[in-house]
Amino acid sequence: MDTLIQWVKNLIFIILFTALLEMFLPESNMGKYVRIVMGFFIISILLAPISVIFRQDYTRFQYILPESFINDNWAEIEVRGREMEEANRAILMNYYQEQIAKQVREIVSLHFADYRQDIDLALDDDYRIDSLTVFLTEPGVRTVEIKPVKIAIGDKGEEAEERAGPSGEKRYSKEKLEYSLSQFLQVSEDKVQVVFRTGGN
């Protein structure tokens, strides 16, 4: 209330002071400049209450709101922020994996167009390729289980196990594809593997 009374007093004083100056100043160009200057004073007095609002100390709001309320809200905001970051990271990771898998499929189709492809791709936290496995299944072949073959060697009947693997031509094409993928993706060859499956639709 005291601020309002002081503001009205200042306004009245400036208006009266302006009127007195105009009465005592002679009629000349000076009167025009005096009115401009006094007009600025009146405007500054009118704007004084607004400047008081901007100069207020807003830190006192912390005494109005309980500290526990502020801390709880801040903790909740941090949790939600972390959840959103993890969700966005997962979306980005999936999108990146899909794009790489799409490019891999195109390269594999150049070497094994008729084979069904299954891509197993793993990325690290920095979105670098950790491992890539391409499973190729020849079309029209029914699923079978291949058991290890035991072969007796020597007079003592020692046994060795041998698993069915790709033929020489397939092995060459497999190695060529692994090399092409490692060069295209700019990863070491030991991170890229092509596996032939003995079953399909």
Protein backbone atom coordinates (compact mmCIF):
# COMPACT_ATOMS: atom_id res chain seq x y z
CA MET A 1 0.00 0.00 0.00
CA ASP A 2 2.86 2.38 0.84
CA THR A 3 4.37 1.71 -2.58
CA LEU A 4 1.11 2.70 -4.30
CA ILE A 5 0.84 5.92 -2.28
CA GLN A 6 4.45 6.82 -3.09
CA TRP A 7 3.85 6.10 -6.77
CA VAL A 8 0.78 8.42 -6.88
CA LYS A 9 2.73 11.16 -5.05
CA ASN A 10 5.57 10.96 -7.57
CA LEU A 11 3.14 11.13 -10.48
CA ILE A 12 1.35 14.19 -9.08
CA PHE A 13 4.67 15.90 -8.32
CA ILE A 14 5.98 15.42 -11.87
CA ILE A 15 2.73 16.68 -13.43
CA LEU A 16 2.71 19.81 -11.20
CA PHE A 17 6.41 20.41 -11.80
CA THR A 18 5.84 20.19 -15.57
CA ALA A 19 2.96 22.69 -15.37
CA LEU A 20 5.08 25.15 -13.33
CA LEU A 21 7.98 24.91 -15.78
CA GLU A 22 5.67 25.66 -18.70
CA MET A 23 4.26 28.68 -16.85
CA PHE A 24 7.64 30.23 -16.05
CA LEU A 25 9.54 29.36 -19.23
CA PRO A 26 9.24 31.93 -22.01
CA GLU A 27 7.49 30.97 -25.25
CA SER A 28 10.31 29.51 -27.29
CA ASN A 29 11.66 26.30 -28.68
CA MET A 30 12.81 25.34 -25.16
CA GLY A 31 9.20 24.67 -24.08
CA LYS A 32 8.93 21.83 -26.59
CA TYR A 33 12.08 20.12 -25.27
CA VAL A 34 10.98 20.57 -21.65
CA ARG A 35 7.65 18.86 -22.42
CA ILE A 36 9.50 15.94 -24.07
CA VAL A 37 11.83 15.50 -21.09
CA MET A 38 8.99 15.73 -18.58
CA GLY A 39 7.00 13.25 -20.68
CA PHE A 40 9.86 10.77 -20.27
CA PHE A 41 9.75 11.32 -16.52
CA ILE A 42 6.00 10.62 -16.45
CA ILE A 43 6.46 7.45 -18.52
CA SER A 44 9.23 6.25 -16.20
CA ILE A 45 6.98 6.80 -13.17
CA LEU A 46 4.12 4.94 -14.86
CA LEU A 47 6.43 2.00 -15.62
CA ALA A 48 7.93 1.88 -12.11
CA PRO A 49 5.41 -0.68 -10.74
CA ILE A 50 6.21 -3.06 -13.62
CA SER A 51 9.94 -2.84 -12.93
CA VAL A 52 9.28 -3.67 -9.27
CA ILE A 53 7.64 -6.93 -10.37
CA PHE A 54 10.71 -7.92 -12.40
CA ARG A 55 13.07 -7.06 -9.52
CA GLN A 56 11.30 -9.37 -7.06
CA ASP A 57 13.20 -12.21 -5.47
CA TYR A 58 11.54 -15.38 -6.69
CA THR A 59 13.61 -17.59 -4.42
CA ARG A 60 11.02 -17.08 -1.71
CA PHE A 61 8.75 -19.47 -3.63
CA GLN A 62 10.86 -22.27 -2.22
CA TYR A 63 9.50 -21.39 1.22
CA ILE A 64 5.92 -21.49 -0.09
CA LEU A 65 6.32 -24.91 -1.75
CA PRO A 66 7.52 -27.73 0.51
CA GLU A 67 11.04 -28.92 -0.25
CA SER A 68 9.89 -32.55 -0.32
CA PHE A 69 7.39 -31.67 -3.07
CA ILE A 70 10.13 -30.10 -5.21
CA ASN A 71 12.56 -33.00 -4.61
CA ASP A 72 9.92 -35.65 -5.39
CA ASN A 73 8.98 -33.94 -8.63
CA TRP A 74 12.62 -33.55 -9.62
CA ALA A 75 13.33 -37.23 -8.95
CA GLU A 76 10.28 -38.20 -11.02
CA ILE A 77 11.43 -35.95 -13.87
CA GLU A 78 14.90 -37.55 -13.79
CA VAL A 79 13.40 -41.07 -13.87
CA ARG A 80 11.14 -40.18 -16.79
CA GLY A 81 14.04 -38.57 -18.60
CA ARG A 82 16.14 -41.73 -18.25
CA GLU A 83 13.22 -43.90 -19.40
CA MET A 84 12.70 -41.71 -22.48
CA GLU A 85 16.42 -41.80 -23.24
CA GLU A 86 16.49 -45.61 -23.02
CA ALA A 87 13.35 -45.91 -25.18
CA ASN A 88 14.80 -43.57 -27.82
CA ARG A 89 18.08 -45.48 -27.75
CA ALA A 90 16.26 -48.79 -28.27
CA ILE A 91 14.25 -47.34 -31.17
CA LEU A 92 17.41 -45.97 -32.76
CA MET A 93 19.24 -49.28 -32.25
CA ASN A 94 16.41 -51.26 -33.87
CA TYR A 95 16.21 -48.84 -36.80
CA TYR A 96 19.97 -49.00 -37.33
CA GLN A 97 19.92 -52.82 -37.19
CA GLU A 98 17.10 -52.93 -39.75
CA GLN A 99 18.99 -50.65 -42.12
CA ILE A 100 22.20 -52.69 -41.85
CA ALA A 101 20.27 -55.96 -42.28
CA LYS A 102 18.62 -54.53 -45.40
CA GLN A 103 22.01 -53.69 -46.92
CA VAL A 104 23.39 -57.10 -45.94
CA ARG A 105 20.45 -58.85 -47.63
CA GLU A 106 21.15 -56.98 -50.86
CA ILE A 107 24.81 -58.05 -50.84
CA VAL A 108 23.94 -61.66 -49.96
CA SER A 109 21.40 -61.76 -52.80
CA LEU A 110 24.22 -61.07 -55.26
CA HIS A 111 25.97 -64.29 -54.16
CA PHE A 112 23.08 -66.54 -53.09
CA ALA A 113 19.93 -65.19 -54.71
CA ASP A 114 17.88 -68.39 -54.31
CA TYR A 115 18.71 -68.98 -50.66
CA ARG A 116 16.52 -67.91 -47.78
CA GLN A 117 18.36 -65.46 -45.55
CA ASP A 118 18.21 -65.00 -41.78
CA ILE A 119 20.32 -62.19 -40.37
CA ASP A 120 21.58 -62.20 -36.78
CA LEU A 121 23.16 -58.83 -36.02
CA ALA A 122 24.55 -57.59 -32.70
CA LEU A 123 25.64 -54.00 -32.04
CA ASP A 124 27.59 -52.59 -29.11
CA ASP A 125 26.59 -49.50 -27.10
CA ASP A 126 28.29 -47.22 -29.64
CA TYR A 127 26.26 -48.71 -32.53
CA ARG A 128 29.29 -50.53 -33.91
CA ILE A 129 28.86 -54.03 -35.30
CA ASP A 130 29.83 -56.59 -32.68
CA SER A 131 28.92 -59.68 -34.71
CA LEU A 132 27.06 -60.54 -37.89
CA THR A 133 25.85 -64.03 -38.73
CA VAL A 134 24.08 -64.76 -42.01
CA PHE A 135 22.13 -68.03 -42.07
CA LEU A 136 21.49 -69.33 -45.60
CA THR A 137 18.90 -72.02 -46.26
CA GLU A 138 18.60 -73.67 -49.66
CA PRO A 139 14.98 -73.53 -50.89
CA GLY A 140 12.93 -76.71 -51.25
CA VAL A 141 15.00 -78.74 -48.80
CA ARG A 142 13.17 -80.24 -45.84
CA THR A 143 14.61 -79.86 -42.37
CA VAL A 144 16.84 -82.74 -41.31
CA GLU A 145 19.04 -83.35 -38.33
CA ILE A 146 22.62 -84.19 -39.21
CA LYS A 147 24.37 -86.40 -36.69
CA PRO A 148 28.14 -86.60 -36.39
CA VAL A 149 29.73 -89.35 -38.48
CA LYS A 150 32.18 -91.61 -36.65
CA ILE A 151 35.04 -93.06 -38.66
CA ALA A 152 37.44 -95.71 -37.32
CA ILE A 153 41.08 -94.85 -37.95
CA GLY A 154 44.04 -97.21 -37.69
CA ASP A 155 44.36 -100.67 -36.20
CA LYS A 156 43.41 -99.56 -32.71
CA GLY A 157 40.00 -98.42 -33.87
CA GLU A 158 40.48 -94.77 -32.91
CA GLU A 159 37.48 -92.72 -33.83
CA ALA A 160 37.25 -89.25 -35.33
CA GLU A 161 34.15 -87.13 -35.73
CA GLU A 162 33.36 -85.31 -38.90
CA ARG A 163 30.41 -83.06 -39.55
CA ALA A 164 28.89 -82.42 -42.92
CA GLY A 165 30.04 -79.06 -44.21
CA PRO A 166 29.70 -77.02 -47.37
CA SER A 167 31.24 -78.28 -50.57
CA GLY A 168 34.41 -76.75 -52.01
CA GLU A 169 32.52 -74.40 -54.31
CA LYS A 170 30.17 -73.34 -51.54
CA ARG A 171 33.08 -72.86 -49.17
CA TYR A 172 34.75 -70.54 -51.67
CA SER A 173 31.51 -68.56 -52.17
CA LYS A 174 31.01 -68.43 -48.40
CA GLU A 175 34.50 -67.00 -47.81
CA LYS A 176 34.04 -64.56 -50.66
CA LEU A 177 30.73 -63.36 -49.18
CA GLU A 178 32.25 -63.00 -45.70
CA TYR A 179 35.06 -60.93 -47.18
CA SER A 180 32.61 -58.75 -49.16
CA LEU A 181 30.47 -58.11 -46.09
CA SER A 182 33.45 -57.28 -43.89
CA GLN A 183 34.77 -54.84 -46.50
CA PHE A 184 31.38 -53.20 -47.03
CA LEU A 185 30.61 -52.86 -43.32
CA GLN A 186 34.24 -52.00 -42.48
CA VAL A 187 34.58 -54.61 -39.75
CA SER A 188 37.11 -57.38 -39.23
CA GLU A 189 36.41 -60.70 -40.95
CA ASP A 190 36.22 -62.59 -37.66
CA LYS A 191 33.03 -60.65 -36.81
CA VAL A 192 31.27 -61.86 -39.97
CA GLN A 193 30.10 -65.43 -40.35
CA VAL A 194 28.05 -67.17 -43.04
CA VAL A 195 26.33 -70.40 -41.99
CA PHE A 196 24.56 -72.87 -44.31
CA ARG A 197 21.47 -74.54 -42.92
CA THR A 198 20.31 -77.91 -44.14
CA GLY A 199 16.61 -77.20 -44.06
CA GLY A 200 14.03 -74.90 -45.59
CA ASN A 201 10.45 -74.49 -46.61
